[in-house]
Amino acid sequence: MGDVTRFRNYPQMATVKKAAETFGVSPSYLRRLCKAGKIIFVNTGHVWLINLDSLARYFDKGDPGPAGLNETVGGIRRVER
């Protein structure tokens, strides 16, 4: 039991396939979220590991969508081109 408490602070990670099955979405949708920077993941060669806490927060909050000119999304402000 002492070993279990040592790992509590580590994030819950899962492969794209397992995360897709858990949350009921397609693996390609999760890869798009990763590439767009909307969820936290780690690419270990050919295997993508998704941070399940990040994915759950994304689904809880929803997609913030694009920012307006004077709005911020995730601390980033959109600027004119």
N, C-alpha and C. Protein backbone atom coordinates (compact mmCIF):
# COMPACT_ATOMS: atom_id res chain seq x y z
N MET A 1 0.81 -1.20 0.00
CA MET A 1 0.00 0.00 0.00
C MET A 1 0.86 1.26 0.00
N GLY A 2 2.04 1.23 0.56
CA GLY A 2 2.92 2.38 0.55
C GLY A 2 3.35 2.76 -0.86
N ASP A 3 3.48 1.76 -1.74
CA ASP A 3 3.88 2.04 -3.12
C ASP A 3 2.79 2.77 -3.89
N VAL A 4 1.54 2.52 -3.58
CA VAL A 4 0.43 3.15 -4.29
C VAL A 4 0.41 4.65 -4.04
N THR A 5 0.65 5.08 -2.83
CA THR A 5 0.62 6.50 -2.52
C THR A 5 1.74 7.25 -3.22
N ARG A 6 2.81 6.57 -3.53
CA ARG A 6 3.94 7.20 -4.21
C ARG A 6 3.56 7.65 -5.62
N PHE A 7 2.59 6.98 -6.26
CA PHE A 7 2.23 7.27 -7.64
C PHE A 7 0.97 8.13 -7.78
N ARG A 8 0.42 8.63 -6.71
CA ARG A 8 -0.81 9.41 -6.78
C ARG A 8 -0.65 10.70 -7.56
N ASN A 9 0.51 11.31 -7.55
CA ASN A 9 0.71 12.59 -8.22
C ASN A 9 1.01 12.46 -9.70
N TYR A 10 1.18 11.25 -10.19
CA TYR A 10 1.45 11.06 -11.61
C TYR A 10 0.14 11.11 -12.38
N PRO A 11 0.16 11.66 -13.59
CA PRO A 11 -1.09 11.75 -14.37
C PRO A 11 -1.53 10.38 -14.88
N GLN A 12 -2.84 10.23 -15.02
CA GLN A 12 -3.41 9.02 -15.61
C GLN A 12 -3.24 9.13 -17.12
N MET A 13 -2.56 8.19 -17.73
CA MET A 13 -2.31 8.22 -19.17
C MET A 13 -2.92 6.97 -19.81
N ALA A 14 -3.31 7.10 -21.08
CA ALA A 14 -3.85 5.97 -21.83
C ALA A 14 -3.53 6.16 -23.30
N THR A 15 -3.49 5.05 -24.02
CA THR A 15 -3.29 5.13 -25.46
C THR A 15 -4.51 5.80 -26.09
N VAL A 16 -4.35 6.26 -27.32
CA VAL A 16 -5.46 6.90 -28.02
C VAL A 16 -6.64 5.93 -28.13
N LYS A 17 -6.35 4.69 -28.46
CA LYS A 17 -7.42 3.69 -28.61
C LYS A 17 -8.18 3.49 -27.30
N LYS A 18 -7.46 3.33 -26.20
CA LYS A 18 -8.11 3.11 -24.90
C LYS A 18 -8.88 4.35 -24.45
N ALA A 19 -8.31 5.54 -24.65
CA ALA A 19 -9.00 6.78 -24.27
C ALA A 19 -10.26 6.96 -25.10
N ALA A 20 -10.19 6.62 -26.39
CA ALA A 20 -11.37 6.74 -27.26
C ALA A 20 -12.47 5.80 -26.80
N GLU A 21 -12.11 4.58 -26.42
CA GLU A 21 -13.10 3.63 -25.91
C GLU A 21 -13.70 4.11 -24.60
N THR A 22 -12.86 4.66 -23.73
CA THR A 22 -13.32 5.12 -22.42
C THR A 22 -14.30 6.28 -22.54
N PHE A 23 -14.03 7.22 -23.43
CA PHE A 23 -14.85 8.42 -23.56
C PHE A 23 -15.88 8.34 -24.69
N GLY A 24 -15.88 7.24 -25.45
CA GLY A 24 -16.88 7.05 -26.48
C GLY A 24 -16.73 7.96 -27.69
N VAL A 25 -15.49 8.24 -28.07
CA VAL A 25 -15.22 9.06 -29.25
C VAL A 25 -14.26 8.29 -30.15
N SER A 26 -14.03 8.82 -31.35
CA SER A 26 -13.14 8.13 -32.28
C SER A 26 -11.67 8.48 -32.00
N PRO A 27 -10.77 7.56 -32.30
CA PRO A 27 -9.35 7.85 -32.13
C PRO A 27 -8.88 9.04 -32.99
N SER A 28 -9.42 9.17 -34.19
CA SER A 28 -9.00 10.29 -35.04
C SER A 28 -9.41 11.63 -34.43
N TYR A 29 -10.56 11.69 -33.76
CA TYR A 29 -11.00 12.92 -33.08
C TYR A 29 -10.01 13.28 -31.97
N LEU A 30 -9.58 12.28 -31.21
CA LEU A 30 -8.62 12.55 -30.14
C LEU A 30 -7.29 13.02 -30.70
N ARG A 31 -6.84 12.44 -31.80
CA ARG A 31 -5.59 12.89 -32.42
C ARG A 31 -5.70 14.34 -32.89
N ARG A 32 -6.87 14.72 -33.41
CA ARG A 32 -7.07 16.12 -33.82
C ARG A 32 -6.99 17.06 -32.62
N LEU A 33 -7.58 16.65 -31.50
CA LEU A 33 -7.51 17.47 -30.28
C LEU A 33 -6.06 17.62 -29.82
N CYS A 34 -5.30 16.54 -29.92
CA CYS A 34 -3.88 16.59 -29.53
C CYS A 34 -3.11 17.54 -30.43
N LYS A 35 -3.28 17.40 -31.74
CA LYS A 35 -2.55 18.24 -32.70
C LYS A 35 -2.91 19.71 -32.55
N ALA A 36 -4.17 19.98 -32.16
CA ALA A 36 -4.62 21.37 -31.97
C ALA A 36 -4.19 21.93 -30.62
N GLY A 37 -3.59 21.10 -29.77
CA GLY A 37 -3.13 21.56 -28.46
C GLY A 37 -4.25 21.73 -27.45
N LYS A 38 -5.37 21.07 -27.67
CA LYS A 38 -6.52 21.22 -26.77
C LYS A 38 -6.44 20.29 -25.57
N ILE A 39 -5.69 19.19 -25.68
CA ILE A 39 -5.50 18.27 -24.56
C ILE A 39 -4.01 17.93 -24.47
N ILE A 40 -3.61 17.48 -23.30
CA ILE A 40 -2.21 17.15 -23.05
C ILE A 40 -1.97 15.71 -23.48
N PHE A 41 -0.85 15.52 -24.19
CA PHE A 41 -0.48 14.17 -24.62
C PHE A 41 1.03 14.08 -24.73
N VAL A 42 1.50 12.84 -24.85
CA VAL A 42 2.91 12.57 -25.05
C VAL A 42 3.02 11.64 -26.24
N ASN A 43 3.87 12.00 -27.19
CA ASN A 43 4.11 11.15 -28.35
C ASN A 43 5.41 10.40 -28.11
N THR A 44 5.31 9.09 -27.93
CA THR A 44 6.49 8.26 -27.66
C THR A 44 6.77 7.40 -28.89
N GLY A 45 7.21 8.03 -29.95
CA GLY A 45 7.45 7.29 -31.19
C GLY A 45 6.14 7.07 -31.93
N HIS A 46 5.72 5.83 -32.01
CA HIS A 46 4.48 5.50 -32.70
C HIS A 46 3.27 5.47 -31.76
N VAL A 47 3.49 5.63 -30.48
CA VAL A 47 2.40 5.54 -29.50
C VAL A 47 2.11 6.93 -28.93
N TRP A 48 0.84 7.31 -28.97
CA TRP A 48 0.41 8.56 -28.36
C TRP A 48 -0.25 8.22 -27.03
N LEU A 49 0.21 8.84 -25.95
CA LEU A 49 -0.39 8.66 -24.64
C LEU A 49 -1.11 9.95 -24.26
N ILE A 50 -2.39 9.82 -23.97
CA ILE A 50 -3.23 10.97 -23.65
C ILE A 50 -3.40 11.09 -22.14
N ASN A 51 -3.26 12.31 -21.65
CA ASN A 51 -3.50 12.60 -20.24
C ASN A 51 -5.02 12.59 -20.04
N LEU A 52 -5.52 11.58 -19.32
CA LEU A 52 -6.96 11.42 -19.15
C LEU A 52 -7.60 12.55 -18.34
N ASP A 53 -6.85 13.12 -17.41
CA ASP A 53 -7.38 14.25 -16.63
C ASP A 53 -7.59 15.46 -17.54
N SER A 54 -6.65 15.70 -18.44
CA SER A 54 -6.77 16.80 -19.40
C SER A 54 -7.96 16.58 -20.33
N LEU A 55 -8.14 15.35 -20.77
CA LEU A 55 -9.26 15.03 -21.66
C LEU A 55 -10.59 15.21 -20.94
N ALA A 56 -10.67 14.77 -19.70
CA ALA A 56 -11.91 14.92 -18.93
C ALA A 56 -12.23 16.40 -18.71
N ARG A 57 -11.20 17.21 -18.40
CA ARG A 57 -11.42 18.65 -18.23
C ARG A 57 -11.90 19.28 -19.53
N TYR A 58 -11.34 18.86 -20.66
CA TYR A 58 -11.75 19.39 -21.96
C TYR A 58 -13.23 19.11 -22.20
N PHE A 59 -13.67 17.89 -21.93
CA PHE A 59 -15.07 17.54 -22.15
C PHE A 59 -15.99 18.21 -21.14
N ASP A 60 -15.50 18.44 -19.91
CA ASP A 60 -16.31 19.14 -18.90
C ASP A 60 -16.54 20.60 -19.28
N LYS A 61 -15.48 21.26 -19.73
CA LYS A 61 -15.57 22.69 -20.04
C LYS A 61 -16.08 22.95 -21.45
N GLY A 62 -15.85 22.02 -22.36
CA GLY A 62 -16.23 22.23 -23.75
C GLY A 62 -15.14 22.97 -24.49
N ASP A 63 -15.28 23.03 -25.79
CA ASP A 63 -14.30 23.71 -26.62
C ASP A 63 -14.50 25.21 -26.52
N PRO A 64 -13.46 25.97 -26.14
CA PRO A 64 -13.64 27.41 -26.00
C PRO A 64 -13.87 28.12 -27.33
N GLY A 65 -13.53 27.48 -28.45
CA GLY A 65 -13.74 28.10 -29.75
C GLY A 65 -12.71 29.17 -30.02
N PRO A 66 -12.78 29.79 -31.18
CA PRO A 66 -11.80 30.83 -31.53
C PRO A 66 -12.03 32.10 -30.72
N ALA A 67 -10.96 32.80 -30.47
CA ALA A 67 -11.05 34.04 -29.70
C ALA A 67 -11.42 35.20 -30.61
N GLY A 68 -12.22 36.13 -30.08
CA GLY A 68 -12.50 37.38 -30.79
C GLY A 68 -11.29 38.28 -30.69
N LEU A 69 -11.36 39.44 -31.30
CA LEU A 69 -10.18 40.31 -31.34
C LEU A 69 -9.68 40.73 -29.97
N ASN A 70 -10.51 41.06 -29.06
CA ASN A 70 -10.04 41.50 -27.75
C ASN A 70 -10.35 40.49 -26.65
N GLU A 71 -10.46 39.23 -27.02
CA GLU A 71 -10.74 38.17 -26.05
C GLU A 71 -9.53 37.27 -25.93
N THR A 72 -9.44 36.57 -24.81
CA THR A 72 -8.37 35.59 -24.64
C THR A 72 -8.98 34.21 -24.48
N VAL A 73 -8.30 33.21 -24.99
CA VAL A 73 -8.67 31.82 -24.81
C VAL A 73 -7.44 31.10 -24.33
N GLY A 74 -7.53 30.51 -23.14
CA GLY A 74 -6.38 29.83 -22.58
C GLY A 74 -5.19 30.75 -22.36
N GLY A 75 -5.44 32.03 -22.08
CA GLY A 75 -4.37 32.98 -21.84
C GLY A 75 -3.73 33.55 -23.10
N ILE A 76 -4.28 33.19 -24.26
CA ILE A 76 -3.72 33.68 -25.53
C ILE A 76 -4.70 34.65 -26.16
N ARG A 77 -4.21 35.83 -26.55
CA ARG A 77 -5.06 36.85 -27.16
C ARG A 77 -4.88 36.84 -28.67
N ARG A 78 -5.97 36.89 -29.39
CA ARG A 78 -5.92 36.94 -30.85
C ARG A 78 -5.50 38.33 -31.29
N VAL A 79 -4.66 38.41 -32.31
CA VAL A 79 -4.22 39.69 -32.84
C VAL A 79 -4.58 39.77 -34.33
N GLU A 80 -4.68 41.00 -34.83
CA GLU A 80 -4.98 41.17 -36.25
C GLU A 80 -3.77 40.82 -37.09
N ARG A 81 -4.05 40.40 -38.32
CA ARG A 81 -2.95 40.09 -39.25
C ARG A 81 -2.55 41.31 -40.01
